[in-house]
């Protein structure tokens, strides 16, 4: 990723994913276009999953004494 390239937020990725799914459901597409949209959607899902994993790893939990601890699943 280049320095001046903005990292997409999770909400933006979900919006693009929703648009991709809608295109697949509502448009008459060739097999090639369907596969291209499918792969685009799968790549977005991987990015979303990776972003969620990163957020979960950064989460902190406050205990009763007000001290923070890393969130463990």
PDB file of N, CA and C in Angstrom:
ATOM      1  N   UNK A   1       0.843  -1.167   0.000  1.00  0.00           N
ATOM      2  CA  UNK A   1       0.000   0.000   0.000  1.00  0.00           C
ATOM      3  C   UNK A   1       0.894   1.238   0.000  1.00  0.00           C
ATOM      4  N   UNK A   2       0.594   2.191  -0.863  1.00  0.00           N
ATOM      5  CA  UNK A   2       1.392   3.395  -0.940  1.00  0.00           C
ATOM      6  C   UNK A   2       1.049   4.321   0.213  1.00  0.00           C
ATOM      7  N   UNK A   3       2.012   5.217   0.551  1.00  0.00           N
ATOM      8  CA  UNK A   3       1.826   6.113   1.688  1.00  0.00           C
ATOM      9  C   UNK A   3       0.592   6.987   1.563  1.00  0.00           C
ATOM     10  N   UNK A   4       0.343   7.542   0.379  1.00  0.00           N
ATOM     11  CA  UNK A   4      -0.772   8.469   0.223  1.00  0.00           C
ATOM     12  C   UNK A   4      -2.096   7.757  -0.036  1.00  0.00           C
ATOM     13  N   UNK A   5      -2.091   6.444  -0.058  1.00  0.00           N
ATOM     14  CA  UNK A   5      -3.311   5.669  -0.270  1.00  0.00           C
ATOM     15  C   UNK A   5      -4.067   5.562   1.051  1.00  0.00           C
ATOM     16  N   UNK A   6      -5.346   5.928   1.053  1.00  0.00           N
ATOM     17  CA  UNK A   6      -6.165   5.889   2.260  1.00  0.00           C
ATOM     18  C   UNK A   6      -6.641   4.462   2.516  1.00  0.00           C
ATOM     19  N   UNK A   7      -6.491   4.005   3.746  1.00  0.00           N
ATOM     20  CA  UNK A   7      -6.973   2.682   4.115  1.00  0.00           C
ATOM     21  C   UNK A   7      -8.484   2.749   4.264  1.00  0.00           C
ATOM     22  N   UNK A   8      -9.178   1.816   3.618  1.00  0.00           N
ATOM     23  CA  UNK A   8     -10.644   1.798   3.684  1.00  0.00           C
ATOM     24  C   UNK A   8     -11.097   1.398   5.085  1.00  0.00           C
ATOM     25  N   UNK A   9     -12.157   2.051   5.548  1.00  0.00           N
ATOM     26  CA  UNK A   9     -12.737   1.665   6.832  1.00  0.00           C
ATOM     27  C   UNK A   9     -13.567   0.395   6.630  1.00  0.00           C
ATOM     28  N   UNK A  10     -13.869  -0.227   7.728  1.00  0.00           N
ATOM     29  CA  UNK A  10     -14.694  -1.435   7.687  1.00  0.00           C
ATOM     30  C   UNK A  10     -16.053  -1.127   7.078  1.00  0.00           C
ATOM     31  N   UNK A  11     -16.609   0.021   7.437  1.00  0.00           N
ATOM     32  CA  UNK A  11     -17.911   0.411   6.902  1.00  0.00           C
ATOM     33  C   UNK A  11     -17.860   0.597   5.386  1.00  0.00           C
ATOM     34  N   UNK A  12     -16.774   1.206   4.893  1.00  0.00           N
ATOM     35  CA  UNK A  12     -16.618   1.398   3.445  1.00  0.00           C
ATOM     36  C   UNK A  12     -16.487   0.055   2.723  1.00  0.00           C
ATOM     37  N   UNK A  13     -15.723  -0.862   3.319  1.00  0.00           N
ATOM     38  CA  UNK A  13     -15.566  -2.185   2.702  1.00  0.00           C
ATOM     39  C   UNK A  13     -16.893  -2.931   2.659  1.00  0.00           C
ATOM     40  N   UNK A  14     -17.674  -2.836   3.751  1.00  0.00           N
ATOM     41  CA  UNK A  14     -18.986  -3.491   3.771  1.00  0.00           C
ATOM     42  C   UNK A  14     -19.926  -2.881   2.735  1.00  0.00           C
ATOM     43  N   UNK A  15     -19.845  -1.574   2.536  1.00  0.00           N
ATOM     44  CA  UNK A  15     -20.689  -0.913   1.532  1.00  0.00           C
ATOM     45  C   UNK A  15     -20.339  -1.405   0.128  1.00  0.00           C
ATOM     46  N   UNK A  16     -19.052  -1.532  -0.167  1.00  0.00           N
ATOM     47  CA  UNK A  16     -18.623  -2.029  -1.476  1.00  0.00           C
ATOM     48  C   UNK A  16     -19.034  -3.491  -1.635  1.00  0.00           C
ATOM     49  N   UNK A  17     -18.903  -4.257  -0.570  1.00  0.00           N
ATOM     50  CA  UNK A  17     -19.304  -5.664  -0.608  1.00  0.00           C
ATOM     51  C   UNK A  17     -20.803  -5.792  -0.874  1.00  0.00           C
ATOM     52  N   UNK A  18     -21.597  -4.963  -0.215  1.00  0.00           N
ATOM     53  CA  UNK A  18     -23.047  -4.985  -0.429  1.00  0.00           C
ATOM     54  C   UNK A  18     -23.389  -4.625  -1.879  1.00  0.00           C
ATOM     55  N   UNK A  19     -22.713  -3.621  -2.404  1.00  0.00           N
ATOM     56  CA  UNK A  19     -22.935  -3.223  -3.800  1.00  0.00           C
ATOM     57  C   UNK A  19     -22.571  -4.364  -4.756  1.00  0.00           C
ATOM     58  N   UNK A  20     -21.484  -5.049  -4.455  1.00  0.00           N
ATOM     59  CA  UNK A  20     -21.048  -6.171  -5.286  1.00  0.00           C
ATOM     60  C   UNK A  20     -22.077  -7.293  -5.280  1.00  0.00           C
ATOM     61  N   UNK A  21     -22.587  -7.612  -4.099  1.00  0.00           N
ATOM     62  CA  UNK A  21     -23.608  -8.665  -3.978  1.00  0.00           C
ATOM     63  C   UNK A  21     -24.871  -8.261  -4.736  1.00  0.00           C
ATOM     64  N   UNK A  22     -25.278  -6.998  -4.587  1.00  0.00           N
ATOM     65  CA  UNK A  22     -26.468  -6.525  -5.308  1.00  0.00           C
ATOM     66  C   UNK A  22     -26.292  -6.632  -6.818  1.00  0.00           C
ATOM     67  N   UNK A  23     -25.098  -6.306  -7.306  1.00  0.00           N
ATOM     68  CA  UNK A  23     -24.839  -6.431  -8.743  1.00  0.00           C
ATOM     69  C   UNK A  23     -25.004  -7.878  -9.190  1.00  0.00           C
ATOM     70  N   UNK A  24     -24.493  -8.799  -8.393  1.00  0.00           N
ATOM     71  CA  UNK A  24     -24.578 -10.212  -8.762  1.00  0.00           C
ATOM     72  C   UNK A  24     -26.022 -10.698  -8.748  1.00  0.00           C
ATOM     73  N   UNK A  25     -26.833 -10.148  -7.854  1.00  0.00           N
ATOM     74  CA  UNK A  25     -28.217 -10.607  -7.726  1.00  0.00           C
ATOM     75  C   UNK A  25     -29.154  -9.974  -8.741  1.00  0.00           C
ATOM     76  N   UNK A  26     -28.873  -8.747  -9.172  1.00  0.00           N
ATOM     77  CA  UNK A  26     -29.860  -8.034  -9.970  1.00  0.00           C
ATOM     78  C   UNK A  26     -29.496  -7.864 -11.438  1.00  0.00           C
ATOM     79  N   UNK A  27     -28.251  -8.025 -11.788  1.00  0.00           N
ATOM     80  CA  UNK A  27     -27.851  -7.778 -13.172  1.00  0.00           C
ATOM     81  C   UNK A  27     -27.673  -9.080 -13.944  1.00  0.00           C
ATOM     82  N   UNK A  28     -27.947  -8.990 -15.241  1.00  0.00           N
ATOM     83  CA  UNK A  28     -27.637 -10.101 -16.133  1.00  0.00           C
ATOM     84  C   UNK A  28     -26.145 -10.028 -16.421  1.00  0.00           C
ATOM     85  N   UNK A  29     -25.403 -10.997 -15.945  1.00  0.00           N
ATOM     86  CA  UNK A  29     -23.955 -10.968 -16.083  1.00  0.00           C
ATOM     87  C   UNK A  29     -23.461 -12.177 -16.853  1.00  0.00           C
ATOM     88  N   UNK A  30     -22.365 -11.965 -17.552  1.00  0.00           N
ATOM     89  CA  UNK A  30     -21.712 -13.102 -18.194  1.00  0.00           C
ATOM     90  C   UNK A  30     -21.039 -13.934 -17.103  1.00  0.00           C
ATOM     91  N   UNK A  31     -20.672 -15.138 -17.440  1.00  0.00           N
ATOM     92  CA  UNK A  31     -20.001 -16.008 -16.485  1.00  0.00           C
ATOM     93  C   UNK A  31     -18.694 -15.368 -16.008  1.00  0.00           C
ATOM     94  N   UNK A  32     -17.961 -14.758 -16.939  1.00  0.00           N
ATOM     95  CA  UNK A  32     -16.691 -14.116 -16.600  1.00  0.00           C
ATOM     96  C   UNK A  32     -16.906 -12.958 -15.617  1.00  0.00           C
ATOM     97  N   UNK A  33     -17.931 -12.130 -15.876  1.00  0.00           N
ATOM     98  CA  UNK A  33     -18.224 -11.011 -14.982  1.00  0.00           C
ATOM     99  C   UNK A  33     -18.663 -11.514 -13.609  1.00  0.00           C
ATOM    100  N   UNK A  34     -19.442 -12.581 -13.588  1.00  0.00           N
ATOM    101  CA  UNK A  34     -19.877 -13.163 -12.314  1.00  0.00           C
ATOM    102  C   UNK A  34     -18.679 -13.636 -11.496  1.00  0.00           C
ATOM    103  N   UNK A  35     -17.728 -14.314 -12.154  1.00  0.00           N
ATOM    104  CA  UNK A  35     -16.529 -14.771 -11.456  1.00  0.00           C
ATOM    105  C   UNK A  35     -15.688 -13.599 -10.969  1.00  0.00           C
ATOM    106  N   UNK A  36     -15.585 -12.552 -11.765  1.00  0.00           N
ATOM    107  CA  UNK A  36     -14.813 -11.369 -11.372  1.00  0.00           C
ATOM    108  C   UNK A  36     -15.427 -10.725 -10.131  1.00  0.00           C
ATOM    109  N   UNK A  37     -16.757 -10.592 -10.117  1.00  0.00           N
ATOM    110  CA  UNK A  37     -17.434 -10.019  -8.953  1.00  0.00           C
ATOM    111  C   UNK A  37     -17.307 -10.932  -7.729  1.00  0.00           C
ATOM    112  N   UNK A  38     -17.382 -12.232  -7.956  1.00  0.00           N
ATOM    113  CA  UNK A  38     -17.224 -13.199  -6.865  1.00  0.00           C
ATOM    114  C   UNK A  38     -15.850 -13.044  -6.221  1.00  0.00           C
ATOM    115  N   UNK A  39     -14.811 -12.982  -7.045  1.00  0.00           N
ATOM    116  CA  UNK A  39     -13.449 -12.848  -6.520  1.00  0.00           C
ATOM    117  C   UNK A  39     -13.258 -11.500  -5.816  1.00  0.00           C
ATOM    118  N   UNK A  40     -13.848 -10.454  -6.353  1.00  0.00           N
ATOM    119  CA  UNK A  40     -13.795  -9.148  -5.712  1.00  0.00           C
ATOM    120  C   UNK A  40     -14.433  -9.232  -4.323  1.00  0.00           C
ATOM    121  N   UNK A  41     -15.589  -9.877  -4.249  1.00  0.00           N
ATOM    122  CA  UNK A  41     -16.277 -10.043  -2.971  1.00  0.00           C
ATOM    123  C   UNK A  41     -15.474 -10.865  -1.973  1.00  0.00           C
ATOM    124  N   UNK A  42     -14.854 -11.938  -2.443  1.00  0.00           N
ATOM    125  CA  UNK A  42     -14.048 -12.772  -1.556  1.00  0.00           C
ATOM    126  C   UNK A  42     -12.831 -12.004  -1.039  1.00  0.00           C
ATOM    127  N   UNK A  43     -12.203 -11.213  -1.888  1.00  0.00           N
ATOM    128  CA  UNK A  43     -11.071 -10.392  -1.455  1.00  0.00           C
ATOM    129  C   UNK A  43     -11.512  -9.384  -0.394  1.00  0.00           C
ATOM    130  N   UNK A  44     -12.674  -8.780  -0.604  1.00  0.00           N
ATOM    131  CA  UNK A  44     -13.207  -7.836   0.388  1.00  0.00           C
ATOM    132  C   UNK A  44     -13.505  -8.535   1.715  1.00  0.00           C
ATOM    133  N   UNK A  45     -14.077  -9.739   1.647  1.00  0.00           N
ATOM    134  CA  UNK A  45     -14.347 -10.487   2.878  1.00  0.00           C
ATOM    135  C   UNK A  45     -13.064 -10.777   3.642  1.00  0.00           C
ATOM    136  N   UNK A  46     -12.001 -11.118   2.923  1.00  0.00           N
ATOM    137  CA  UNK A  46     -10.708 -11.379   3.571  1.00  0.00           C
ATOM    138  C   UNK A  46     -10.175 -10.114   4.242  1.00  0.00           C
ATOM    139  N   UNK A  47     -10.310  -8.961   3.559  1.00  0.00           N
ATOM    140  CA  UNK A  47      -9.868  -7.694   4.141  1.00  0.00           C
ATOM    141  C   UNK A  47     -10.684  -7.366   5.391  1.00  0.00           C
ATOM    142  N   UNK A  48     -11.994  -7.569   5.315  1.00  0.00           N
ATOM    143  CA  UNK A  48     -12.863  -7.301   6.465  1.00  0.00           C
ATOM    144  C   UNK A  48     -12.477  -8.193   7.643  1.00  0.00           C
ATOM    145  N   UNK A  49     -12.281  -9.451   7.382  1.00  0.00           N
ATOM    146  CA  UNK A  49     -11.914 -10.396   8.430  1.00  0.00           C
ATOM    147  C   UNK A  49     -10.578 -10.016   9.061  1.00  0.00           C
ATOM    148  N   UNK A  50      -9.622  -9.643   8.243  1.00  0.00           N
ATOM    149  CA  UNK A  50      -8.313  -9.233   8.738  1.00  0.00           C
ATOM    150  C   UNK A  50      -8.422  -7.978   9.599  1.00  0.00           C
ATOM    151  N   UNK A  51      -9.218  -7.019   9.153  1.00  0.00           N
ATOM    152  CA  UNK A  51      -9.403  -5.783   9.909  1.00  0.00           C
ATOM    153  C   UNK A  51     -10.062  -6.066  11.254  1.00  0.00           C
ATOM    154  N   UNK A  52     -11.076  -6.922  11.259  1.00  0.00           N
ATOM    155  CA  UNK A  52     -11.760  -7.281  12.508  1.00  0.00           C
ATOM    156  C   UNK A  52     -10.793  -7.991  13.447  1.00  0.00           C
ATOM    157  N   UNK A  53      -9.962  -8.880  12.927  1.00  0.00           N
ATOM    158  CA  UNK A  53      -8.959  -9.572  13.751  1.00  0.00           C
ATOM    159  C   UNK A  53      -7.999  -8.571  14.387  1.00  0.00           C
ATOM    160  N   UNK A  54      -7.560  -7.577  13.613  1.00  0.00           N
ATOM    161  CA  UNK A  54      -6.640  -6.562  14.143  1.00  0.00           C
ATOM    162  C   UNK A  54      -7.295  -5.756  15.260  1.00  0.00           C
ATOM    163  N   UNK A  55      -8.558  -5.402  15.072  1.00  0.00           N
ATOM    164  CA  UNK A  55      -9.281  -4.638  16.093  1.00  0.00           C
ATOM    165  C   UNK A  55      -9.440  -5.470  17.358  1.00  0.00           C
ATOM    166  N   UNK A  56      -9.788  -6.744  17.212  1.00  0.00           N
ATOM    167  CA  UNK A  56      -9.957  -7.607  18.381  1.00  0.00           C
ATOM    168  C   UNK A  56      -8.663  -7.726  19.168  1.00  0.00           C
ATOM    169  N   UNK A  57      -7.539  -7.795  18.478  1.00  0.00           N
ATOM    170  CA  UNK A  57      -6.252  -7.912  19.155  1.00  0.00           C
ATOM    171  C   UNK A  57      -5.885  -6.641  19.915  1.00  0.00           C
ATOM    172  N   UNK A  58      -6.414  -5.500  19.480  1.00  0.00           N
ATOM    173  CA  UNK A  58      -6.094  -4.228  20.118  1.00  0.00           C
ATOM    174  C   UNK A  58      -7.044  -3.877  21.260  1.00  0.00           C
ATOM    175  N   UNK A  59      -8.141  -4.617  21.355  1.00  0.00           N
ATOM    176  CA  UNK A  59      -9.152  -4.290  22.365  1.00  0.00           C
ATOM    177  C   UNK A  59      -8.601  -4.514  23.766  1.00  0.00           C
ATOM    178  N   UNK A  60      -8.957  -3.617  24.646  1.00  0.00           N
ATOM    179  CA  UNK A  60      -8.585  -3.737  26.048  1.00  0.00           C
ATOM    180  C   UNK A  60      -9.856  -3.830  26.875  1.00  0.00           C
ATOM    181  N   UNK A  61      -9.758  -4.525  27.987  1.00  0.00           N
ATOM    182  CA  UNK A  61     -10.888  -4.704  28.870  1.00  0.00           C
ATOM    183  C   UNK A  61     -10.544  -4.069  30.211  1.00  0.00           C
ATOM    184  N   UNK A  62     -11.497  -3.327  30.777  1.00  0.00           N
ATOM    185  CA  UNK A  62     -11.319  -2.768  32.111  1.00  0.00           C
ATOM    186  C   UNK A  62     -11.821  -3.781  33.136  1.00  0.00           C
ATOM    187  N   UNK A  63     -11.007  -4.011  34.167  1.00  0.00           N
ATOM    188  CA  UNK A  63     -11.479  -4.891  35.233  1.00  0.00           C
ATOM    189  C   UNK A  63     -12.139  -4.056  36.335  1.00  0.00           C
ATOM    190  N   UNK A  64     -12.543  -4.704  37.419  1.00  0.00           N
ATOM    191  CA  UNK A  64     -13.255  -4.004  38.497  1.00  0.00           C
ATOM    192  C   UNK A  64     -12.426  -2.896  39.133  1.00  0.00           C
ATOM    193  N   UNK A  65     -11.103  -3.028  39.116  1.00  0.00           N
ATOM    194  CA  UNK A  65     -10.228  -2.024  39.721  1.00  0.00           C
ATOM    195  C   UNK A  65      -9.888  -0.890  38.757  1.00  0.00           C
ATOM    196  N   UNK A  66     -10.421  -0.935  37.549  1.00  0.00           N
ATOM    197  CA  UNK A  66     -10.157   0.112  36.568  1.00  0.00           C
ATOM    198  C   UNK A  66      -8.866  -0.081  35.790  1.00  0.00           C
ATOM    199  N   UNK A  67      -8.238  -1.240  35.944  1.00  0.00           N
ATOM    200  CA  UNK A  67      -7.013  -1.528  35.205  1.00  0.00           C
ATOM    201  C   UNK A  67      -7.371  -2.160  33.865  1.00  0.00           C
ATOM    202  N   UNK A  68      -6.517  -1.915  32.875  1.00  0.00           N
ATOM    203  CA  UNK A  68      -6.785  -2.466  31.548  1.00  0.00           C
ATOM    204  C   UNK A  68      -5.991  -3.743  31.326  1.00  0.00           C
ATOM    205  N   UNK A  69      -6.611  -4.651  30.619  1.00  0.00           N
ATOM    206  CA  UNK A  69      -5.988  -5.905  30.233  1.00  0.00           C
ATOM    207  C   UNK A  69      -6.374  -6.188  28.790  1.00  0.00           C
ATOM    208  N   UNK A  70      -5.512  -6.897  28.085  1.00  0.00           N
ATOM    209  CA  UNK A  70      -5.840  -7.248  26.711  1.00  0.00           C
ATOM    210  C   UNK A  70      -7.033  -8.176  26.691  1.00  0.00           C
ATOM    211  N   UNK A  71      -7.883  -7.972  25.701  1.00  0.00           N
ATOM    212  CA  UNK A  71      -9.071  -8.803  25.520  1.00  0.00           C
ATOM    213  C   UNK A  71      -8.650 -10.184  25.061  1.00  0.00           C
ATOM    214  N   UNK A  72      -9.114 -11.224  25.737  1.00  0.00           N
ATOM    215  CA  UNK A  72      -8.802 -12.585  25.334  1.00  0.00           C
ATOM    216  C   UNK A  72     -10.092 -13.313  25.031  1.00  0.00           C
ATOM    217  N   UNK A  73     -10.056 -14.055  23.961  1.00  0.00           N
ATOM    218  CA  UNK A  73     -11.252 -14.809  23.566  1.00  0.00           C
ATOM    219  C   UNK A  73     -11.104 -16.241  23.970  1.00  0.00           C
TER     220      UNK A  73
END
